PDB file of all heavy atoms in Angstrom:
ATOM      1  N   THR A   1       5.508  -6.313 -36.851  1.00  0.00           N
ATOM      2  CA  THR A   1       5.038  -5.194 -36.038  1.00  0.00           C
ATOM      3  C   THR A   1       5.143  -5.560 -34.553  1.00  0.00           C
ATOM      4  O   THR A   1       5.431  -6.708 -34.204  1.00  0.00           O
ATOM      5  CB  THR A   1       3.590  -4.835 -36.383  1.00  0.00           C
ATOM      6  OG1 THR A   1       2.741  -5.963 -36.092  1.00  0.00           O
ATOM      7  CG2 THR A   1       3.456  -4.470 -37.855  1.00  0.00           C
ATOM      8  N   TYR A   2       4.887  -4.573 -33.694  1.00  0.00           N
ATOM      9  CA  TYR A   2       5.002  -4.795 -32.253  1.00  0.00           C
ATOM     10  C   TYR A   2       3.691  -4.463 -31.558  1.00  0.00           C
ATOM     11  O   TYR A   2       3.025  -3.486 -31.902  1.00  0.00           O
ATOM     12  CB  TYR A   2       6.110  -3.919 -31.657  1.00  0.00           C
ATOM     13  CG  TYR A   2       7.508  -4.369 -32.006  1.00  0.00           C
ATOM     14  CD1 TYR A   2       8.064  -4.059 -33.243  1.00  0.00           C
ATOM     15  CD2 TYR A   2       8.276  -5.110 -31.102  1.00  0.00           C
ATOM     16  CE1 TYR A   2       9.356  -4.463 -33.569  1.00  0.00           C
ATOM     17  CE2 TYR A   2       9.569  -5.512 -31.419  1.00  0.00           C
ATOM     18  CZ  TYR A   2      10.106  -5.179 -32.653  1.00  0.00           C
ATOM     19  OH  TYR A   2      11.379  -5.590 -32.970  1.00  0.00           O
ATOM     20  N   ASN A   3       3.336  -5.297 -30.582  1.00  0.00           N
ATOM     21  CA  ASN A   3       2.220  -4.987 -29.693  1.00  0.00           C
ATOM     22  C   ASN A   3       2.769  -4.309 -28.449  1.00  0.00           C
ATOM     23  O   ASN A   3       3.762  -4.771 -27.865  1.00  0.00           O
ATOM     24  CB  ASN A   3       1.496  -6.269 -29.265  1.00  0.00           C
ATOM     25  CG  ASN A   3       0.570  -6.782 -30.343  1.00  0.00           C
ATOM     26  OD1 ASN A   3       0.151  -6.031 -31.216  1.00  0.00           O
ATOM     27  ND2 ASN A   3       0.261  -8.067 -30.279  1.00  0.00           N
ATOM     28  N   ARG A   4       2.129  -3.216 -28.033  1.00  0.00           N
ATOM     29  CA  ARG A   4       2.553  -2.514 -26.831  1.00  0.00           C
ATOM     30  C   ARG A   4       1.548  -2.731 -25.711  1.00  0.00           C
ATOM     31  O   ARG A   4       0.342  -2.594 -25.912  1.00  0.00           O
ATOM     32  CB  ARG A   4       2.677  -1.009 -27.098  1.00  0.00           C
ATOM     33  CG  ARG A   4       3.110  -0.218 -25.865  1.00  0.00           C
ATOM     34  CD  ARG A   4       2.902   1.259 -26.032  1.00  0.00           C
ATOM     35  NE  ARG A   4       3.328   1.999 -24.849  1.00  0.00           N
ATOM     36  CZ  ARG A   4       3.000   3.254 -24.601  1.00  0.00           C
ATOM     37  NH1 ARG A   4       2.241   3.926 -25.450  1.00  0.00           N
ATOM     38  NH2 ARG A   4       3.435   3.845 -23.505  1.00  0.00           N
ATOM     39  N   THR A   5       2.045  -3.067 -24.542  1.00  0.00           N
ATOM     40  CA  THR A   5       1.216  -3.163 -23.351  1.00  0.00           C
ATOM     41  C   THR A   5       1.931  -2.459 -22.197  1.00  0.00           C
ATOM     42  O   THR A   5       3.154  -2.305 -22.206  1.00  0.00           O
ATOM     43  CB  THR A   5       0.934  -4.631 -22.949  1.00  0.00           C
ATOM     44  OG1 THR A   5       2.180  -5.322 -22.786  1.00  0.00           O
ATOM     45  CG2 THR A   5       0.104  -5.331 -23.992  1.00  0.00           C
ATOM     46  N   ILE A   6       1.146  -2.033 -21.219  1.00  0.00           N
ATOM     47  CA  ILE A   6       1.689  -1.350 -20.048  1.00  0.00           C
ATOM     48  C   ILE A   6       1.238  -2.089 -18.796  1.00  0.00           C
ATOM     49  O   ILE A   6       0.059  -2.429 -18.650  1.00  0.00           O
ATOM     50  CB  ILE A   6       1.217   0.113 -19.986  1.00  0.00           C
ATOM     51  CG1 ILE A   6       1.676   0.882 -21.234  1.00  0.00           C
ATOM     52  CG2 ILE A   6       1.751   0.788 -18.725  1.00  0.00           C
ATOM     53  CD1 ILE A   6       1.146   2.300 -21.299  1.00  0.00           C
ATOM     54  N   GLU A   7       2.180  -2.352 -17.918  1.00  0.00           N
ATOM     55  CA  GLU A   7       1.876  -2.982 -16.643  1.00  0.00           C
ATOM     56  C   GLU A   7       2.345  -2.075 -15.514  1.00  0.00           C
ATOM     57  O   GLU A   7       3.356  -1.376 -15.644  1.00  0.00           O
ATOM     58  CB  GLU A   7       2.569  -4.346 -16.513  1.00  0.00           C
ATOM     59  CG  GLU A   7       2.075  -5.384 -17.500  1.00  0.00           C
ATOM     60  CD  GLU A   7       2.683  -6.752 -17.237  1.00  0.00           C
ATOM     61  OE1 GLU A   7       3.573  -6.873 -16.388  1.00  0.00           O
ATOM     62  OE2 GLU A   7       2.259  -7.704 -17.913  1.00  0.00           O
ATOM     63  N   GLU A   8       1.613  -2.105 -14.398  1.00  0.00           N
ATOM     64  CA  GLU A   8       1.990  -1.346 -13.209  1.00  0.00           C
ATOM     65  C   GLU A   8       2.345  -2.325 -12.095  1.00  0.00           C
ATOM     66  O   GLU A   8       1.589  -3.246 -11.811  1.00  0.00           O
ATOM     67  CB  GLU A   8       0.845  -0.443 -12.760  1.00  0.00           C
ATOM     68  CG  GLU A   8       0.442   0.600 -13.784  1.00  0.00           C
ATOM     69  CD  GLU A   8      -0.731   1.444 -13.326  1.00  0.00           C
ATOM     70  OE1 GLU A   8      -1.030   1.420 -12.110  1.00  0.00           O
ATOM     71  OE2 GLU A   8      -1.342   2.117 -14.170  1.00  0.00           O
ATOM     72  N   HIS A   9       3.499  -2.126 -11.487  1.00  0.00           N
ATOM     73  CA  HIS A   9       3.965  -2.997 -10.413  1.00  0.00           C
ATOM     74  C   HIS A   9       4.225  -2.163  -9.160  1.00  0.00           C
ATOM     75  O   HIS A   9       4.743  -1.038  -9.254  1.00  0.00           O
ATOM     76  CB  HIS A   9       5.258  -3.707 -10.817  1.00  0.00           C
ATOM     77  CG  HIS A   9       5.103  -4.655 -11.964  1.00  0.00           C
ATOM     78  ND1 HIS A   9       5.292  -6.014 -11.827  1.00  0.00           N
ATOM     79  CD2 HIS A   9       4.793  -4.444 -13.269  1.00  0.00           C
ATOM     80  CE1 HIS A   9       5.097  -6.595 -13.010  1.00  0.00           C
ATOM     81  NE2 HIS A   9       4.796  -5.663 -13.890  1.00  0.00           N
ATOM     82  N   TYR A  10       3.891  -2.742  -8.006  1.00  0.00           N
ATOM     83  CA  TYR A  10       4.105  -2.057  -6.734  1.00  0.00           C
ATOM     84  C   TYR A  10       4.785  -3.011  -5.759  1.00  0.00           C
ATOM     85  O   TYR A  10       4.331  -4.142  -5.564  1.00  0.00           O
ATOM     86  CB  TYR A  10       2.772  -1.590  -6.137  1.00  0.00           C
ATOM     87  CG  TYR A  10       2.021  -0.616  -7.016  1.00  0.00           C
ATOM     88  CD1 TYR A  10       1.125  -1.075  -7.980  1.00  0.00           C
ATOM     89  CD2 TYR A  10       2.227   0.757  -6.895  1.00  0.00           C
ATOM     90  CE1 TYR A  10       0.443  -0.191  -8.801  1.00  0.00           C
ATOM     91  CE2 TYR A  10       1.540   1.653  -7.706  1.00  0.00           C
ATOM     92  CZ  TYR A  10       0.664   1.175  -8.657  1.00  0.00           C
ATOM     93  OH  TYR A  10      -0.013   2.047  -9.481  1.00  0.00           O
ATOM     94  N   GLU A  11       5.869  -2.550  -5.157  1.00  0.00           N
ATOM     95  CA  GLU A  11       6.557  -3.312  -4.123  1.00  0.00           C
ATOM     96  C   GLU A  11       6.740  -2.419  -2.899  1.00  0.00           C
ATOM     97  O   GLU A  11       6.929  -1.211  -3.029  1.00  0.00           O
ATOM     98  CB  GLU A  11       7.923  -3.816  -4.598  1.00  0.00           C
ATOM     99  CG  GLU A  11       7.852  -4.827  -5.729  1.00  0.00           C
ATOM    100  CD  GLU A  11       9.188  -5.502  -5.988  1.00  0.00           C
ATOM    101  OE1 GLU A  11       9.973  -5.677  -5.034  1.00  0.00           O
ATOM    102  OE2 GLU A  11       9.460  -5.846  -7.153  1.00  0.00           O
ATOM    103  N   ARG A  12       6.709  -3.028  -1.742  1.00  0.00           N
ATOM    104  CA  ARG A  12       6.872  -2.268  -0.500  1.00  0.00           C
ATOM    105  C   ARG A  12       8.177  -2.634   0.179  1.00  0.00           C
ATOM    106  O   ARG A  12       8.587  -3.804   0.173  1.00  0.00           O
ATOM    107  CB  ARG A  12       5.705  -2.548   0.448  1.00  0.00           C
ATOM    108  CG  ARG A  12       5.865  -1.872   1.806  1.00  0.00           C
ATOM    109  CD  ARG A  12       4.664  -2.100   2.688  1.00  0.00           C
ATOM    110  NE  ARG A  12       4.972  -1.779   4.084  1.00  0.00           N
ATOM    111  CZ  ARG A  12       4.133  -1.984   5.096  1.00  0.00           C
ATOM    112  NH1 ARG A  12       2.927  -2.484   4.861  1.00  0.00           N
ATOM    113  NH2 ARG A  12       4.489  -1.691   6.327  1.00  0.00           N
ATOM    114  N   ALA A  13       8.826  -1.645   0.736  1.00  0.00           N
ATOM    115  CA  ALA A  13      10.029  -1.860   1.529  1.00  0.00           C
ATOM    116  C   ALA A  13       9.628  -2.143   2.977  1.00  0.00           C
ATOM    117  O   ALA A  13       8.842  -1.397   3.564  1.00  0.00           O
ATOM    118  CB  ALA A  13      10.941  -0.645   1.471  1.00  0.00           C
ATOM    119  N   TYR A  14      10.157  -3.235   3.529  1.00  0.00           N
ATOM    120  CA  TYR A  14       9.912  -3.590   4.924  1.00  0.00           C
ATOM    121  C   TYR A  14      11.222  -3.554   5.698  1.00  0.00           C
ATOM    122  O   TYR A  14      12.260  -3.997   5.197  1.00  0.00           O
ATOM    123  CB  TYR A  14       9.317  -4.998   5.043  1.00  0.00           C
ATOM    124  CG  TYR A  14       7.886  -5.123   4.571  1.00  0.00           C
ATOM    125  CD1 TYR A  14       7.609  -5.488   3.254  1.00  0.00           C
ATOM    126  CD2 TYR A  14       6.830  -4.884   5.436  1.00  0.00           C
ATOM    127  CE1 TYR A  14       6.289  -5.609   2.815  1.00  0.00           C
ATOM    128  CE2 TYR A  14       5.510  -5.009   5.013  1.00  0.00           C
ATOM    129  CZ  TYR A  14       5.248  -5.370   3.701  1.00  0.00           C
ATOM    130  OH  TYR A  14       3.949  -5.486   3.274  1.00  0.00           O
ATOM    131  N   SER A  15      11.168  -3.065   6.925  1.00  0.00           N
ATOM    132  CA  SER A  15      12.339  -3.152   7.792  1.00  0.00           C
ATOM    133  C   SER A  15      12.424  -4.568   8.351  1.00  0.00           C
ATOM    134  O   SER A  15      11.417  -5.292   8.412  1.00  0.00           O
ATOM    135  CB  SER A  15      12.239  -2.149   8.938  1.00  0.00           C
ATOM    136  OG  SER A  15      11.224  -2.546   9.851  1.00  0.00           O
ATOM    137  N   LEU A  16      13.612  -4.950   8.775  1.00  0.00           N
ATOM    138  CA  LEU A  16      13.775  -6.273   9.363  1.00  0.00           C
ATOM    139  C   LEU A  16      12.965  -6.402  10.646  1.00  0.00           C
ATOM    140  O   LEU A  16      12.414  -7.479  10.936  1.00  0.00           O
ATOM    141  CB  LEU A  16      15.258  -6.555   9.615  1.00  0.00           C
ATOM    142  CG  LEU A  16      15.615  -7.973  10.066  1.00  0.00           C
ATOM    143  CD1 LEU A  16      15.056  -9.023   9.118  1.00  0.00           C
ATOM    144  CD2 LEU A  16      17.129  -8.111  10.200  1.00  0.00           C
ATOM    145  N   ASP A  17      12.850  -5.330  11.403  1.00  0.00           N
ATOM    146  CA  ASP A  17      12.039  -5.381  12.620  1.00  0.00           C
ATOM    147  C   ASP A  17      10.570  -5.649  12.300  1.00  0.00           C
ATOM    148  O   ASP A  17       9.888  -6.382  13.035  1.00  0.00           O
ATOM    149  CB  ASP A  17      12.166  -4.067  13.393  1.00  0.00           C
ATOM    150  CG  ASP A  17      13.487  -3.942  14.154  1.00  0.00           C
ATOM    151  OD1 ASP A  17      14.133  -4.987  14.362  1.00  0.00           O
ATOM    152  OD2 ASP A  17      13.858  -2.821  14.514  1.00  0.00           O
ATOM    153  N   GLU A  18      10.071  -5.057  11.215  1.00  0.00           N
ATOM    154  CA  GLU A  18       8.691  -5.329  10.810  1.00  0.00           C
ATOM    155  C   GLU A  18       8.510  -6.803  10.458  1.00  0.00           C
ATOM    156  O   GLU A  18       7.524  -7.438  10.846  1.00  0.00           O
ATOM    157  CB  GLU A  18       8.313  -4.449   9.616  1.00  0.00           C
ATOM    158  CG  GLU A  18       8.105  -2.985   9.955  1.00  0.00           C
ATOM    159  CD  GLU A  18       7.830  -2.136   8.733  1.00  0.00           C
ATOM    160  OE1 GLU A  18       8.567  -2.256   7.727  1.00  0.00           O
ATOM    161  OE2 GLU A  18       6.875  -1.334   8.776  1.00  0.00           O
ATOM    162  N   ILE A  19       9.467  -7.338   9.733  1.00  0.00           N
ATOM    163  CA  ILE A  19       9.394  -8.747   9.335  1.00  0.00           C
ATOM    164  C   ILE A  19       9.451  -9.657  10.558  1.00  0.00           C
ATOM    165  O   ILE A  19       8.689 -10.633  10.666  1.00  0.00           O
ATOM    166  CB  ILE A  19      10.538  -9.078   8.356  1.00  0.00           C
ATOM    167  CG1 ILE A  19      10.342  -8.323   7.030  1.00  0.00           C
ATOM    168  CG2 ILE A  19      10.611 -10.579   8.115  1.00  0.00           C
ATOM    169  CD1 ILE A  19       9.068  -8.651   6.293  1.00  0.00           C
ATOM    170  N   LYS A  20      10.321  -9.335  11.498  1.00  0.00           N
ATOM    171  CA  LYS A  20      10.403 -10.132  12.727  1.00  0.00           C
ATOM    172  C   LYS A  20       9.068 -10.111  13.470  1.00  0.00           C
ATOM    173  O   LYS A  20       8.656 -11.117  14.055  1.00  0.00           O
ATOM    174  CB  LYS A  20      11.509  -9.596  13.631  1.00  0.00           C
ATOM    175  CG  LYS A  20      12.919  -9.879  13.131  1.00  0.00           C
ATOM    176  CD  LYS A  20      13.954  -9.275  14.090  1.00  0.00           C
ATOM    177  CE  LYS A  20      15.366  -9.555  13.638  1.00  0.00           C
ATOM    178  NZ  LYS A  20      16.380  -8.934  14.550  1.00  0.00           N
ATOM    179  N   GLY A  21       8.394  -8.961  13.435  1.00  0.00           N
ATOM    180  CA  GLY A  21       7.094  -8.857  14.093  1.00  0.00           C
ATOM    181  C   GLY A  21       6.060  -9.775  13.459  1.00  0.00           C
ATOM    182  O   GLY A  21       5.298 -10.448  14.163  1.00  0.00           O
ATOM    183  N   PHE A  22       6.025  -9.820  12.125  1.00  0.00           N
ATOM    184  CA  PHE A  22       5.100 -10.716  11.437  1.00  0.00           C
ATOM    185  C   PHE A  22       5.397 -12.181  11.777  1.00  0.00           C
ATOM    186  O   PHE A  22       4.486 -12.978  11.992  1.00  0.00           O
ATOM    187  CB  PHE A  22       5.197 -10.528   9.918  1.00  0.00           C
ATOM    188  CG  PHE A  22       4.752  -9.179   9.430  1.00  0.00           C
ATOM    189  CD1 PHE A  22       5.573  -8.421   8.594  1.00  0.00           C
ATOM    190  CD2 PHE A  22       3.517  -8.658   9.784  1.00  0.00           C
ATOM    191  CE1 PHE A  22       5.173  -7.175   8.128  1.00  0.00           C
ATOM    192  CE2 PHE A  22       3.099  -7.412   9.323  1.00  0.00           C
ATOM    193  CZ  PHE A  22       3.941  -6.669   8.497  1.00  0.00           C
ATOM    194  N   ILE A  23       6.675 -12.521  11.796  1.00  0.00           N
ATOM    195  CA  ILE A  23       7.081 -13.896  12.096  1.00  0.00           C
ATOM    196  C   ILE A  23       6.630 -14.296  13.491  1.00  0.00           C
ATOM    197  O   ILE A  23       6.028 -15.353  13.701  1.00  0.00           O
ATOM    198  CB  ILE A  23       8.612 -14.051  11.950  1.00  0.00           C
ATOM    199  CG1 ILE A  23       9.026 -13.911  10.479  1.00  0.00           C
ATOM    200  CG2 ILE A  23       9.080 -15.396  12.504  1.00  0.00           C
ATOM    201  CD1 ILE A  23      10.525 -13.843  10.257  1.00  0.00           C
ATOM    202  N   GLU A  24       6.929 -13.438  14.470  1.00  0.00           N
ATOM    203  CA  GLU A  24       6.576 -13.742  15.860  1.00  0.00           C
ATOM    204  C   GLU A  24       5.069 -13.872  16.031  1.00  0.00           C
ATOM    205  O   GLU A  24       4.580 -14.800  16.696  1.00  0.00           O
ATOM    206  CB  GLU A  24       7.115 -12.653  16.779  1.00  0.00           C
ATOM    207  CG  GLU A  24       6.804 -12.889  18.250  1.00  0.00           C
ATOM    208  CD  GLU A  24       7.370 -11.799  19.153  1.00  0.00           C
ATOM    209  OE1 GLU A  24       8.034 -10.879  18.634  1.00  0.00           O
ATOM    210  OE2 GLU A  24       7.115 -11.866  20.370  1.00  0.00           O
ATOM    211  N   LYS A  25       4.318 -12.964  15.425  1.00  0.00           N
ATOM    212  CA  LYS A  25       2.859 -12.993  15.574  1.00  0.00           C
ATOM    213  C   LYS A  25       2.254 -14.239  14.933  1.00  0.00           C
ATOM    214  O   LYS A  25       1.211 -14.728  15.372  1.00  0.00           O
ATOM    215  CB  LYS A  25       2.256 -11.736  14.953  1.00  0.00           C
ATOM    216  CG  LYS A  25       0.776 -11.532  15.278  1.00  0.00           C
ATOM    217  CD  LYS A  25       0.276 -10.184  14.785  1.00  0.00           C
ATOM    218  CE  LYS A  25      -1.198  -9.987  15.102  1.00  0.00           C
ATOM    219  NZ  LYS A  25      -1.700  -8.679  14.612  1.00  0.00           N
ATOM    220  N   SER A  26       2.891 -14.765  13.903  1.00  0.00           N
ATOM    221  CA  SER A  26       2.379 -15.965  13.229  1.00  0.00           C
ATOM    222  C   SER A  26       2.592 -17.229  14.051  1.00  0.00           C
ATOM    223  O   SER A  26       1.975 -18.262  13.778  1.00  0.00           O
ATOM    224  CB  SER A  26       3.063 -16.144  11.872  1.00  0.00           C
ATOM    225  OG  SER A  26       4.401 -16.605  12.028  1.00  0.00           O
ATOM    226  N   GLY A  27       3.477 -17.153  15.037  1.00  0.00           N
ATOM    227  CA  GLY A  27       3.791 -18.330  15.836  1.00  0.00           C
ATOM    228  C   GLY A  27       5.083 -18.995  15.423  1.00  0.00           C
ATOM    229  O   GLY A  27       5.506 -19.974  16.053  1.00  0.00           O
ATOM    230  N   MET A  28       5.725 -18.469  14.389  1.00  0.00           N
ATOM    231  CA  MET A  28       7.018 -19.006  13.984  1.00  0.00           C
ATOM    232  C   MET A  28       8.136 -18.336  14.764  1.00  0.00           C
ATOM    233  O   MET A  28       7.931 -17.358  15.478  1.00  0.00           O
ATOM    234  CB  MET A  28       7.232 -18.821  12.476  1.00  0.00           C
ATOM    235  CG  MET A  28       6.409 -19.748  11.617  1.00  0.00           C
ATOM    236  SD  MET A  28       6.857 -19.676   9.852  1.00  0.00           S
ATOM    237  CE  MET A  28       6.174 -18.080   9.394  1.00  0.00           C
ATOM    238  N   LYS A  29       9.341 -18.855  14.595  1.00  0.00           N
ATOM    239  CA  LYS A  29      10.529 -18.324  15.252  1.00  0.00           C
ATOM    240  C   LYS A  29      11.469 -17.734  14.207  1.00  0.00           C
ATOM    241  O   LYS A  29      11.797 -18.394  13.224  1.00  0.00           O
ATOM    242  CB  LYS A  29      11.243 -19.436  16.025  1.00  0.00           C
ATOM    243  CG  LYS A  29      12.559 -19.012  16.670  1.00  0.00           C
ATOM    244  CD  LYS A  29      13.247 -20.209  17.305  1.00  0.00           C
ATOM    245  CE  LYS A  29      14.598 -19.818  17.877  1.00  0.00           C
ATOM    246  NZ  LYS A  29      15.330 -21.005  18.422  1.00  0.00           N
ATOM    247  N   PHE A  30      11.885 -16.494  14.429  1.00  0.00           N
ATOM    248  CA  PHE A  30      12.898 -15.897  13.556  1.00  0.00           C
ATOM    249  C   PHE A  30      14.227 -16.576  13.827  1.00  0.00           C
ATOM    250  O   PHE A  30      14.680 -16.660  14.959  1.00  0.00           O
ATOM    251  CB  PHE A  30      13.005 -14.399  13.830  1.00  0.00           C
ATOM    252  CG  PHE A  30      14.188 -13.745  13.161  1.00  0.00           C
ATOM    253  CD1 PHE A  30      14.139 -13.415  11.814  1.00  0.00           C
ATOM    254  CD2 PHE A  30      15.345 -13.466  13.876  1.00  0.00           C
ATOM    255  CE1 PHE A  30      15.228 -12.811  11.189  1.00  0.00           C
ATOM    256  CE2 PHE A  30      16.436 -12.859  13.272  1.00  0.00           C
ATOM    257  CZ  PHE A  30      16.378 -12.543  11.922  1.00  0.00           C
ATOM    258  N   GLU A  31      14.850 -17.064  12.745  1.00  0.00           N
ATOM    259  CA  GLU A  31      16.133 -17.750  12.895  1.00  0.00           C
ATOM    260  C   GLU A  31      17.312 -16.875  12.476  1.00  0.00           C
ATOM    261  O   GLU A  31      18.320 -16.810  13.168  1.00  0.00           O
ATOM    262  CB  GLU A  31      16.148 -19.046  12.074  1.00  0.00           C
ATOM    263  CG  GLU A  31      15.249 -20.143  12.609  1.00  0.00           C
ATOM    264  CD  GLU A  31      15.858 -20.864  13.811  1.00  0.00           C
ATOM    265  OE1 GLU A  31      16.879 -20.407  14.335  1.00  0.00           O
ATOM    266  OE2 GLU A  31      15.279 -21.891  14.229  1.00  0.00           O
ATOM    267  N   ALA A  32      17.213 -16.219  11.322  1.00  0.00           N
ATOM    268  CA  ALA A  32      18.360 -15.460  10.827  1.00  0.00           C
ATOM    269  C   ALA A  32      17.941 -14.577   9.662  1.00  0.00           C
ATOM    270  O   ALA A  32      16.910 -14.800   9.022  1.00  0.00           O
ATOM    271  CB  ALA A  32      19.472 -16.404  10.383  1.00  0.00           C
ATOM    272  N   ALA A  33      18.779 -13.582   9.389  1.00  0.00           N
ATOM    273  CA  ALA A  33      18.654 -12.754   8.192  1.00  0.00           C
ATOM    274  C   ALA A  33      20.068 -12.529   7.661  1.00  0.00           C
ATOM    275  O   ALA A  33      20.993 -12.259   8.441  1.00  0.00           O
ATOM    276  CB  ALA A  33      17.980 -11.429   8.502  1.00  0.00           C
ATOM    277  N   TYR A  34      20.218 -12.650   6.350  1.00  0.00           N
ATOM    278  CA  TYR A  34      21.544 -12.576   5.740  1.00  0.00           C
ATOM    279  C   TYR A  34      21.568 -11.618   4.555  1.00  0.00           C
ATOM    280  O   TYR A  34      20.565 -11.468   3.843  1.00  0.00           O
ATOM    281  CB  TYR A  34      21.975 -13.959   5.223  1.00  0.00           C
ATOM    282  CG  TYR A  34      22.007 -15.046   6.261  1.00  0.00           C
ATOM    283  CD1 TYR A  34      21.120 -16.125   6.179  1.00  0.00           C
ATOM    284  CD2 TYR A  34      22.919 -15.009   7.311  1.00  0.00           C
ATOM    285  CE1 TYR A  34      21.145 -17.143   7.116  1.00  0.00           C
ATOM    286  CE2 TYR A  34      22.952 -16.026   8.261  1.00  0.00           C
ATOM    287  CZ  TYR A  34      22.068 -17.086   8.162  1.00  0.00           C
ATOM    288  OH  TYR A  34      22.087 -18.101   9.099  1.00  0.00           O
ATOM    289  N   ASP A  35      22.716 -11.013   4.367  1.00  0.00           N
ATOM    290  CA  ASP A  35      22.993 -10.339   3.105  1.00  0.00           C
ATOM    291  C   ASP A  35      22.954 -11.421   2.027  1.00  0.00           C
ATOM    292  O   ASP A  35      23.572 -12.483   2.179  1.00  0.00           O
ATOM    293  CB  ASP A  35      24.364  -9.673   3.171  1.00  0.00           C
ATOM    294  CG  ASP A  35      24.666  -8.836   1.951  1.00  0.00           C
ATOM    295  OD1 ASP A  35      23.811  -8.046   1.543  1.00  0.00           O
ATOM    296  OD2 ASP A  35      25.774  -8.990   1.391  1.00  0.00           O
ATOM    297  N   ALA A  36      22.238 -11.192   0.947  1.00  0.00           N
ATOM    298  CA  ALA A  36      21.929 -12.234  -0.034  1.00  0.00           C
ATOM    299  C   ALA A  36      23.163 -12.996  -0.500  1.00  0.00           C
ATOM    300  O   ALA A  36      24.212 -12.404  -0.794  1.00  0.00           O
ATOM    301  CB  ALA A  36      21.215 -11.635  -1.236  1.00  0.00           C
ATOM    302  N   PHE A  37      23.004 -14.331  -0.537  1.00  0.00           N
ATOM    303  CA  PHE A  37      23.997 -15.278  -1.055  1.00  0.00           C
ATOM    304  C   PHE A  37      25.254 -15.354  -0.202  1.00  0.00           C
ATOM    305  O   PHE A  37      26.303 -15.813  -0.655  1.00  0.00           O
ATOM    306  CB  PHE A  37      24.342 -14.969  -2.516  1.00  0.00           C
ATOM    307  CG  PHE A  37      23.118 -14.820  -3.376  1.00  0.00           C
ATOM    308  CD1 PHE A  37      22.777 -13.594  -3.923  1.00  0.00           C
ATOM    309  CD2 PHE A  37      22.276 -15.893  -3.594  1.00  0.00           C
ATOM    310  CE1 PHE A  37      21.635 -13.442  -4.688  1.00  0.00           C
ATOM    311  CE2 PHE A  37      21.114 -15.763  -4.354  1.00  0.00           C
ATOM    312  CZ  PHE A  37      20.799 -14.531  -4.901  1.00  0.00           C
ATOM    313  N   THR A  38      25.136 -14.904   1.037  1.00  0.00           N
ATOM    314  CA  THR A  38      26.214 -15.032   2.010  1.00  0.00           C
ATOM    315  C   THR A  38      25.582 -15.479   3.319  1.00  0.00           C
ATOM    316  O   THR A  38      24.364 -15.588   3.430  1.00  0.00           O
ATOM    317  CB  THR A  38      26.951 -13.699   2.250  1.00  0.00           C
ATOM    318  OG1 THR A  38      26.130 -12.844   3.072  1.00  0.00           O
ATOM    319  CG2 THR A  38      27.259 -12.984   0.933  1.00  0.00           C
ATOM    320  N   PHE A  39      26.444 -15.705   4.309  1.00  0.00           N
ATOM    321  CA  PHE A  39      25.948 -15.905   5.662  1.00  0.00           C
ATOM    322  C   PHE A  39      26.440 -14.776   6.561  1.00  0.00           C
ATOM    323  O   PHE A  39      26.644 -14.948   7.757  1.00  0.00           O
ATOM    324  CB  PHE A  39      26.354 -17.287   6.180  1.00  0.00           C
ATOM    325  CG  PHE A  39      25.588 -18.398   5.519  1.00  0.00           C
ATOM    326  CD1 PHE A  39      26.191 -19.205   4.560  1.00  0.00           C
ATOM    327  CD2 PHE A  39      24.250 -18.609   5.805  1.00  0.00           C
ATOM    328  CE1 PHE A  39      25.480 -20.201   3.925  1.00  0.00           C
ATOM    329  CE2 PHE A  39      23.522 -19.602   5.176  1.00  0.00           C
ATOM    330  CZ  PHE A  39      24.137 -20.408   4.222  1.00  0.00           C
ATOM    331  N   GLU A  40      26.605 -13.612   5.928  1.00  0.00           N
ATOM    332  CA  GLU A  40      26.989 -12.407   6.642  1.00  0.00           C
ATOM    333  C   GLU A  40      25.738 -11.651   7.098  1.00  0.00           C
ATOM    334  O   GLU A  40      24.683 -11.754   6.474  1.00  0.00           O
ATOM    335  CB  GLU A  40      27.828 -11.499   5.740  1.00  0.00           C
ATOM    336  CG  GLU A  40      29.132 -12.133   5.268  1.00  0.00           C
ATOM    337  CD  GLU A  40      30.063 -12.448   6.412  1.00  0.00           C
ATOM    338  OE1 GLU A  40      30.141 -11.634   7.362  1.00  0.00           O
ATOM    339  OE2 GLU A  40      30.703 -13.520   6.381  1.00  0.00           O
ATOM    340  N   PRO A  41      25.847 -10.888   8.181  1.00  0.00           N
ATOM    341  CA  PRO A  41      24.688 -10.126   8.652  1.00  0.00           C
ATOM    342  C   PRO A  41      24.222  -9.112   7.600  1.00  0.00           C
ATOM    343  O   PRO A  41      24.978  -8.707   6.721  1.00  0.00           O
ATOM    344  CB  PRO A  41      25.223  -9.402   9.897  1.00  0.00           C
ATOM    345  CG  PRO A  41      26.438 -10.165  10.304  1.00  0.00           C
ATOM    346  CD  PRO A  41      27.028 -10.723   9.050  1.00  0.00           C
TER     347      PRO A  41
END
């Protein structure tokens, strides 16, 4: 037999500018952002 369960997941979309803002405010330095698994913008 099978057990059924239900899970709810939530993810938020962030712009790169928003992420840069968090980085700067934390005291870190933004170095780069890449299209995944490449070194392309």
